[in-house]
PDB file of N, CA and C in Angstrom:
ATOM      1  N   MET A   1       5.510   7.242 -25.724  1.00  0.00           N
ATOM      2  CA  MET A   1       5.825   7.249 -24.318  1.00  0.00           C
ATOM      3  C   MET A   1       6.797   8.379 -23.971  1.00  0.00           C
ATOM      4  N   SER A   2       7.684   8.714 -24.904  1.00  0.00           N
ATOM      5  CA  SER A   2       8.632   9.794 -24.625  1.00  0.00           C
ATOM      6  C   SER A   2       7.911  11.111 -24.386  1.00  0.00           C
ATOM      7  N   GLN A   3       6.781  11.317 -25.060  1.00  0.00           N
ATOM      8  CA  GLN A   3       6.015  12.548 -24.849  1.00  0.00           C
ATOM      9  C   GLN A   3       5.481  12.606 -23.418  1.00  0.00           C
ATOM     10  N   VAL A   4       5.007  11.473 -22.899  1.00  0.00           N
ATOM     11  CA  VAL A   4       4.489  11.432 -21.534  1.00  0.00           C
ATOM     12  C   VAL A   4       5.598  11.711 -20.529  1.00  0.00           C
ATOM     13  N   LEU A   5       6.780  11.153 -20.777  1.00  0.00           N
ATOM     14  CA  LEU A   5       7.901  11.334 -19.859  1.00  0.00           C
ATOM     15  C   LEU A   5       8.515  12.726 -19.961  1.00  0.00           C
ATOM     16  N   GLY A   6       8.517  13.299 -21.146  1.00  0.00           N
ATOM     17  CA  GLY A   6       9.173  14.584 -21.349  1.00  0.00           C
ATOM     18  C   GLY A   6       8.275  15.791 -21.205  1.00  0.00           C
ATOM     19  N   ASN A   7       7.018  15.647 -21.496  1.00  0.00           N
ATOM     20  CA  ASN A   7       6.076  16.767 -21.446  1.00  0.00           C
ATOM     21  C   ASN A   7       5.105  16.550 -20.301  1.00  0.00           C
ATOM     22  N   LEU A   8       5.436  17.102 -19.158  1.00  0.00           N
ATOM     23  CA  LEU A   8       4.673  16.842 -17.945  1.00  0.00           C
ATOM     24  C   LEU A   8       3.559  17.846 -17.691  1.00  0.00           C
ATOM     25  N   GLU A   9       3.413  18.848 -18.547  1.00  0.00           N
ATOM     26  CA  GLU A   9       2.425  19.906 -18.305  1.00  0.00           C
ATOM     27  C   GLU A   9       0.997  19.355 -18.240  1.00  0.00           C
ATOM     28  N   SER A  10       0.638  18.494 -19.160  1.00  0.00           N
ATOM     29  CA  SER A  10      -0.712  17.927 -19.162  1.00  0.00           C
ATOM     30  C   SER A  10      -0.967  17.123 -17.887  1.00  0.00           C
ATOM     31  N   HIS A  11       0.005  16.354 -17.483  1.00  0.00           N
ATOM     32  CA  HIS A  11      -0.093  15.556 -16.260  1.00  0.00           C
ATOM     33  C   HIS A  11      -0.306  16.469 -15.055  1.00  0.00           C
ATOM     34  N   LYS A  12       0.468  17.531 -14.960  1.00  0.00           N
ATOM     35  CA  LYS A  12       0.329  18.490 -13.857  1.00  0.00           C
ATOM     36  C   LYS A  12      -1.043  19.139 -13.876  1.00  0.00           C
ATOM     37  N   ARG A  13      -1.510  19.510 -15.064  1.00  0.00           N
ATOM     38  CA  ARG A  13      -2.824  20.158 -15.183  1.00  0.00           C
ATOM     39  C   ARG A  13      -3.934  19.230 -14.725  1.00  0.00           C
ATOM     40  N   GLN A  14      -3.822  17.942 -15.027  1.00  0.00           N
ATOM     41  CA  GLN A  14      -4.847  16.995 -14.598  1.00  0.00           C
ATOM     42  C   GLN A  14      -4.905  16.911 -13.071  1.00  0.00           C
ATOM     43  N   TYR A  15      -3.743  16.868 -12.438  1.00  0.00           N
ATOM     44  CA  TYR A  15      -3.731  16.797 -10.979  1.00  0.00           C
ATOM     45  C   TYR A  15      -4.167  18.105 -10.337  1.00  0.00           C
ATOM     46  N   GLN A  16      -3.878  19.226 -10.969  1.00  0.00           N
ATOM     47  CA  GLN A  16      -4.385  20.506 -10.466  1.00  0.00           C
ATOM     48  C   GLN A  16      -5.904  20.558 -10.575  1.00  0.00           C
ATOM     49  N   MET A  17      -6.444  20.017 -11.666  1.00  0.00           N
ATOM     50  CA  MET A  17      -7.893  19.981 -11.835  1.00  0.00           C
ATOM     51  C   MET A  17      -8.530  19.086 -10.767  1.00  0.00           C
ATOM     52  N   ALA A  18      -7.902  17.963 -10.470  1.00  0.00           N
ATOM     53  CA  ALA A  18      -8.408  17.068  -9.429  1.00  0.00           C
ATOM     54  C   ALA A  18      -8.416  17.772  -8.077  1.00  0.00           C
ATOM     55  N   GLU A  19      -7.365  18.517  -7.786  1.00  0.00           N
ATOM     56  CA  GLU A  19      -7.309  19.249  -6.524  1.00  0.00           C
ATOM     57  C   GLU A  19      -8.397  20.313  -6.459  1.00  0.00           C
ATOM     58  N   THR A  20      -8.657  20.986  -7.568  1.00  0.00           N
ATOM     59  CA  THR A  20      -9.732  21.980  -7.619  1.00  0.00           C
ATOM     60  C   THR A  20     -11.085  21.321  -7.341  1.00  0.00           C
ATOM     61  N   ALA A  21     -11.306  20.131  -7.883  1.00  0.00           N
ATOM     62  CA  ALA A  21     -12.558  19.409  -7.633  1.00  0.00           C
ATOM     63  C   ALA A  21     -12.684  19.048  -6.149  1.00  0.00           C
ATOM     64  N   ARG A  22     -11.591  18.625  -5.536  1.00  0.00           N
ATOM     65  CA  ARG A  22     -11.612  18.311  -4.094  1.00  0.00           C
ATOM     66  C   ARG A  22     -11.943  19.560  -3.287  1.00  0.00           C
ATOM     67  N   GLU A  23     -11.349  20.678  -3.664  1.00  0.00           N
ATOM     68  CA  GLU A  23     -11.614  21.944  -2.967  1.00  0.00           C
ATOM     69  C   GLU A  23     -13.070  22.371  -3.120  1.00  0.00           C
ATOM     70  N   ALA A  24     -13.715  21.906  -4.188  1.00  0.00           N
ATOM     71  CA  ALA A  24     -15.132  22.220  -4.415  1.00  0.00           C
ATOM     72  C   ALA A  24     -16.043  21.190  -3.754  1.00  0.00           C
ATOM     73  N   ALA A  25     -15.482  20.375  -2.878  1.00  0.00           N
ATOM     74  CA  ALA A  25     -16.214  19.408  -2.052  1.00  0.00           C
ATOM     75  C   ALA A  25     -16.602  18.125  -2.772  1.00  0.00           C
ATOM     76  N   PHE A  26     -15.953  17.805  -3.887  1.00  0.00           N
ATOM     77  CA  PHE A  26     -16.139  16.489  -4.501  1.00  0.00           C
ATOM     78  C   PHE A  26     -15.118  15.568  -3.844  1.00  0.00           C
ATOM     79  N   ALA A  27     -15.601  14.607  -3.063  1.00  0.00           N
ATOM     80  CA  ALA A  27     -14.714  13.800  -2.215  1.00  0.00           C
ATOM     81  C   ALA A  27     -13.998  12.678  -2.966  1.00  0.00           C
ATOM     82  N   ALA A  28     -14.687  11.973  -3.818  1.00  0.00           N
ATOM     83  CA  ALA A  28     -14.116  10.783  -4.470  1.00  0.00           C
ATOM     84  C   ALA A  28     -13.570  11.148  -5.848  1.00  0.00           C
ATOM     85  N   VAL A  29     -12.499  11.899  -5.880  1.00  0.00           N
ATOM     86  CA  VAL A  29     -11.915  12.370  -7.133  1.00  0.00           C
ATOM     87  C   VAL A  29     -10.884  11.346  -7.613  1.00  0.00           C
ATOM     88  N   GLN A  30     -10.956  10.997  -8.886  1.00  0.00           N
ATOM     89  CA  GLN A  30     -10.006  10.060  -9.474  1.00  0.00           C
ATOM     90  C   GLN A  30      -9.387  10.672 -10.720  1.00  0.00           C
ATOM     91  N   VAL A  31      -8.110  10.421 -10.912  1.00  0.00           N
ATOM     92  CA  VAL A  31      -7.428  10.762 -12.153  1.00  0.00           C
ATOM     93  C   VAL A  31      -7.138   9.436 -12.836  1.00  0.00           C
ATOM     94  N   ILE A  32      -7.594   9.294 -14.053  1.00  0.00           N
ATOM     95  CA  ILE A  32      -7.380   8.045 -14.788  1.00  0.00           C
ATOM     96  C   ILE A  32      -6.014   8.123 -15.455  1.00  0.00           C
ATOM     97  N   GLU A  33      -5.094   7.335 -14.935  1.00  0.00           N
ATOM     98  CA  GLU A  33      -3.709   7.389 -15.407  1.00  0.00           C
ATOM     99  C   GLU A  33      -3.340   6.264 -16.357  1.00  0.00           C
ATOM    100  N   GLU A  34      -4.086   5.182 -16.356  1.00  0.00           N
ATOM    101  CA  GLU A  34      -3.630   4.021 -17.119  1.00  0.00           C
ATOM    102  C   GLU A  34      -3.595   4.251 -18.625  1.00  0.00           C
ATOM    103  N   ASP A  35      -4.207   5.320 -19.105  1.00  0.00           N
ATOM    104  CA  ASP A  35      -4.184   5.604 -20.539  1.00  0.00           C
ATOM    105  C   ASP A  35      -3.118   6.627 -20.930  1.00  0.00           C
ATOM    106  N   PHE A  36      -2.347   7.144 -19.965  1.00  0.00           N
ATOM    107  CA  PHE A  36      -1.290   8.100 -20.287  1.00  0.00           C
ATOM    108  C   PHE A  36      -0.343   7.455 -21.296  1.00  0.00           C
ATOM    109  N   GLY A  37      -0.030   8.164 -22.342  1.00  0.00           N
ATOM    110  CA  GLY A  37       0.904   7.675 -23.342  1.00  0.00           C
ATOM    111  C   GLY A  37       0.276   6.798 -24.406  1.00  0.00           C
ATOM    112  N   ARG A  38      -1.024   6.603 -24.331  1.00  0.00           N
ATOM    113  CA  ARG A  38      -1.709   5.779 -25.336  1.00  0.00           C
ATOM    114  C   ARG A  38      -2.385   6.694 -26.345  1.00  0.00           C
ATOM    115  N   SER A  39      -2.274   6.344 -27.591  1.00  0.00           N
ATOM    116  CA  SER A  39      -2.853   7.130 -28.659  1.00  0.00           C
ATOM    117  C   SER A  39      -4.372   7.093 -28.592  1.00  0.00           C
ATOM    118  N   GLY A  40      -4.988   8.178 -28.972  1.00  0.00           N
ATOM    119  CA  GLY A  40      -6.438   8.238 -29.067  1.00  0.00           C
ATOM    120  C   GLY A  40      -6.944   7.864 -30.447  1.00  0.00           C
ATOM    121  N   SER A  41      -6.106   7.249 -31.252  1.00  0.00           N
ATOM    122  CA  SER A  41      -6.450   6.929 -32.638  1.00  0.00           C
ATOM    123  C   SER A  41      -7.479   5.808 -32.758  1.00  0.00           C
ATOM    124  N   GLY A  42      -7.702   5.068 -31.674  1.00  0.00           N
ATOM    125  CA  GLY A  42      -8.608   3.927 -31.745  1.00  0.00           C
ATOM    126  C   GLY A  42      -7.877   2.636 -32.032  1.00  0.00           C
ATOM    127  N   GLN A  43      -6.576   2.713 -32.256  1.00  0.00           N
ATOM    128  CA  GLN A  43      -5.776   1.529 -32.559  1.00  0.00           C
ATOM    129  C   GLN A  43      -5.264   0.842 -31.292  1.00  0.00           C
ATOM    130  N   MET A  44      -5.267   1.536 -30.177  1.00  0.00           N
ATOM    131  CA  MET A  44      -4.760   1.003 -28.913  1.00  0.00           C
ATOM    132  C   MET A  44      -5.897   0.851 -27.929  1.00  0.00           C
ATOM    133  N   PRO A  45      -5.896  -0.217 -27.138  1.00  0.00           N
ATOM    134  CA  PRO A  45      -6.914  -0.313 -26.091  1.00  0.00           C
ATOM    135  C   PRO A  45      -6.700   0.777 -25.044  1.00  0.00           C
ATOM    136  N   LYS A  46      -7.785   1.290 -24.520  1.00  0.00           N
ATOM    137  CA  LYS A  46      -7.723   2.339 -23.500  1.00  0.00           C
ATOM    138  C   LYS A  46      -8.582   1.898 -22.318  1.00  0.00           C
ATOM    139  N   PRO A  47      -8.020   1.075 -21.441  1.00  0.00           N
ATOM    140  CA  PRO A  47      -8.803   0.535 -20.329  1.00  0.00           C
ATOM    141  C   PRO A  47      -9.331   1.604 -19.379  1.00  0.00           C
ATOM    142  N   GLY A  48      -8.600   2.667 -19.185  1.00  0.00           N
ATOM    143  CA  GLY A  48      -9.071   3.747 -18.321  1.00  0.00           C
ATOM    144  C   GLY A  48     -10.316   4.400 -18.892  1.00  0.00           C
ATOM    145  N   PHE A  49     -10.311   4.645 -20.192  1.00  0.00           N
ATOM    146  CA  PHE A  49     -11.477   5.243 -20.838  1.00  0.00           C
ATOM    147  C   PHE A  49     -12.669   4.296 -20.767  1.00  0.00           C
ATOM    148  N   GLN A  50     -12.430   3.013 -20.977  1.00  0.00           N
ATOM    149  CA  GLN A  50     -13.519   2.034 -20.904  1.00  0.00           C
ATOM    150  C   GLN A  50     -14.115   1.995 -19.498  1.00  0.00           C
ATOM    151  N   ARG A  51     -13.270   2.071 -18.478  1.00  0.00           N
ATOM    152  CA  ARG A  51     -13.749   2.105 -17.092  1.00  0.00           C
ATOM    153  C   ARG A  51     -14.569   3.370 -16.850  1.00  0.00           C
ATOM    154  N   LEU A  52     -14.103   4.491 -17.362  1.00  0.00           N
ATOM    155  CA  LEU A  52     -14.824   5.754 -17.221  1.00  0.00           C
ATOM    156  C   LEU A  52     -16.209   5.661 -17.855  1.00  0.00           C
ATOM    157  N   VAL A  53     -16.286   5.152 -19.077  1.00  0.00           N
ATOM    158  CA  VAL A  53     -17.577   5.017 -19.761  1.00  0.00           C
ATOM    159  C   VAL A  53     -18.514   4.128 -18.947  1.00  0.00           C
ATOM    160  N   ALA A  54     -17.996   3.018 -18.429  1.00  0.00           N
ATOM    161  CA  ALA A  54     -18.831   2.109 -17.630  1.00  0.00           C
ATOM    162  C   ALA A  54     -19.357   2.803 -16.382  1.00  0.00           C
ATOM    163  N   GLU A  55     -18.524   3.588 -15.703  1.00  0.00           N
ATOM    164  CA  GLU A  55     -18.957   4.286 -14.497  1.00  0.00           C
ATOM    165  C   GLU A  55     -19.965   5.380 -14.811  1.00  0.00           C
ATOM    166  N   VAL A  56     -19.773   6.086 -15.918  1.00  0.00           N
ATOM    167  CA  VAL A  56     -20.744   7.106 -16.330  1.00  0.00           C
ATOM    168  C   VAL A  56     -22.080   6.450 -16.646  1.00  0.00           C
ATOM    169  N   CYS A  57     -22.065   5.353 -17.412  1.00  0.00           N
ATOM    170  CA  CYS A  57     -23.299   4.651 -17.781  1.00  0.00           C
ATOM    171  C   CYS A  57     -24.009   4.072 -16.566  1.00  0.00           C
ATOM    172  N   ALA A  58     -23.246   3.701 -15.542  1.00  0.00           N
ATOM    173  CA  ALA A  58     -23.833   3.153 -14.316  1.00  0.00           C
ATOM    174  C   ALA A  58     -24.406   4.252 -13.418  1.00  0.00           C
ATOM    175  N   GLY A  59     -24.140   5.502 -13.769  1.00  0.00           N
ATOM    176  CA  GLY A  59     -24.665   6.622 -12.984  1.00  0.00           C
ATOM    177  C   GLY A  59     -23.856   6.909 -11.728  1.00  0.00           C
ATOM    178  N   SER A  60     -22.633   6.427 -11.663  1.00  0.00           N
ATOM    179  CA  SER A  60     -21.836   6.622 -10.457  1.00  0.00           C
ATOM    180  C   SER A  60     -20.857   7.795 -10.554  1.00  0.00           C
ATOM    181  N   VAL A  61     -21.003   8.635 -11.577  1.00  0.00           N
ATOM    182  CA  VAL A  61     -20.129   9.793 -11.757  1.00  0.00           C
ATOM    183  C   VAL A  61     -20.925  11.062 -11.483  1.00  0.00           C
ATOM    184  N   GLU A  62     -20.427  11.862 -10.527  1.00  0.00           N
ATOM    185  CA  GLU A  62     -21.073  13.119 -10.183  1.00  0.00           C
ATOM    186  C   GLU A  62     -20.695  14.245 -11.130  1.00  0.00           C
ATOM    187  N   ILE A  63     -19.426  14.283 -11.467  1.00  0.00           N
ATOM    188  CA  ILE A  63     -18.891  15.342 -12.315  1.00  0.00           C
ATOM    189  C   ILE A  63     -17.738  14.759 -13.125  1.00  0.00           C
ATOM    190  N   LEU A  64     -17.582  15.249 -14.324  1.00  0.00           N
ATOM    191  CA  LEU A  64     -16.501  14.794 -15.192  1.00  0.00           C
ATOM    192  C   LEU A  64     -15.716  16.025 -15.628  1.00  0.00           C
ATOM    193  N   CYS A  65     -14.442  16.068 -15.281  1.00  0.00           N
ATOM    194  CA  CYS A  65     -13.573  17.193 -15.651  1.00  0.00           C
ATOM    195  C   CYS A  65     -12.537  16.677 -16.632  1.00  0.00           C
ATOM    196  N   TYR A  66     -12.310  17.423 -17.675  1.00  0.00           N
ATOM    197  CA  TYR A  66     -11.303  17.015 -18.648  1.00  0.00           C
ATOM    198  C   TYR A  66     -10.698  18.240 -19.299  1.00  0.00           C
ATOM    199  N   ILE A  67      -9.505  18.055 -19.810  1.00  0.00           N
ATOM    200  CA  ILE A  67      -8.784  19.164 -20.441  1.00  0.00           C
ATOM    201  C   ILE A  67      -9.223  19.316 -21.881  1.00  0.00           C
ATOM    202  N   GLU A  68      -9.259  18.221 -22.604  1.00  0.00           N
ATOM    203  CA  GLU A  68      -9.697  18.261 -23.998  1.00  0.00           C
ATOM    204  C   GLU A  68     -10.172  16.876 -24.401  1.00  0.00           C
ATOM    205  N   THR A  69     -10.931  16.846 -25.454  1.00  0.00           N
ATOM    206  CA  THR A  69     -11.401  15.574 -25.976  1.00  0.00           C
ATOM    207  C   THR A  69     -11.550  15.702 -27.495  1.00  0.00           C
ATOM    208  N   SER A  70     -11.553  14.589 -28.141  1.00  0.00           N
ATOM    209  CA  SER A  70     -11.824  14.578 -29.577  1.00  0.00           C
ATOM    210  C   SER A  70     -12.666  13.348 -29.878  1.00  0.00           C
ATOM    211  N   LEU A  71     -13.461  13.455 -30.865  1.00  0.00           N
ATOM    212  CA  LEU A  71     -14.324  12.359 -31.269  1.00  0.00           C
ATOM    213  C   LEU A  71     -13.907  11.884 -32.637  1.00  0.00           C
ATOM    214  N   GLN A  72     -13.846  10.584 -32.779  1.00  0.00           N
ATOM    215  CA  GLN A  72     -13.480  10.009 -34.064  1.00  0.00           C
ATOM    216  C   GLN A  72     -14.744   9.451 -34.710  1.00  0.00           C
ATOM    217  N   LYS A  73     -15.058   9.892 -35.904  1.00  0.00           N
ATOM    218  CA  LYS A  73     -16.240   9.402 -36.602  1.00  0.00           C
ATOM    219  C   LYS A  73     -15.955   8.005 -37.123  1.00  0.00           C
ATOM    220  N   ASP A  74     -17.006   7.179 -37.143  1.00  0.00           N
ATOM    221  CA  ASP A  74     -16.869   5.849 -37.727  1.00  0.00           C
ATOM    222  C   ASP A  74     -16.559   5.947 -39.205  1.00  0.00           C
ATOM    223  N   ALA A  75     -15.738   5.042 -39.666  1.00  0.00           N
ATOM    224  CA  ALA A  75     -15.365   5.019 -41.076  1.00  0.00           C
ATOM    225  C   ALA A  75     -16.456   4.394 -41.938  1.00  0.00           C
ATOM    226  N   ALA A  76     -17.448   3.768 -41.307  1.00  0.00           N
ATOM    227  CA  ALA A  76     -18.495   3.060 -42.052  1.00  0.00           C
ATOM    228  C   ALA A  76     -19.413   3.972 -42.796  1.00  0.00           C
TER     229      ALA A  76
END
């Protein structure tokens, strides 16, 4: 959590990206904040990511903008 509170650059970049999407005429722009400060290790629940996946699968997402992503391979 200290990283989220102390390092605001990523947070600012996300909101700048959202503003750029609005300027490009995407009206319903959302920034998923509920996962800020949560590890991507798979050990913590990420409700924002789960909501995003559900909306993408439902076909209700026009565009998806992100700064970076990583994929974790199954250990099986």
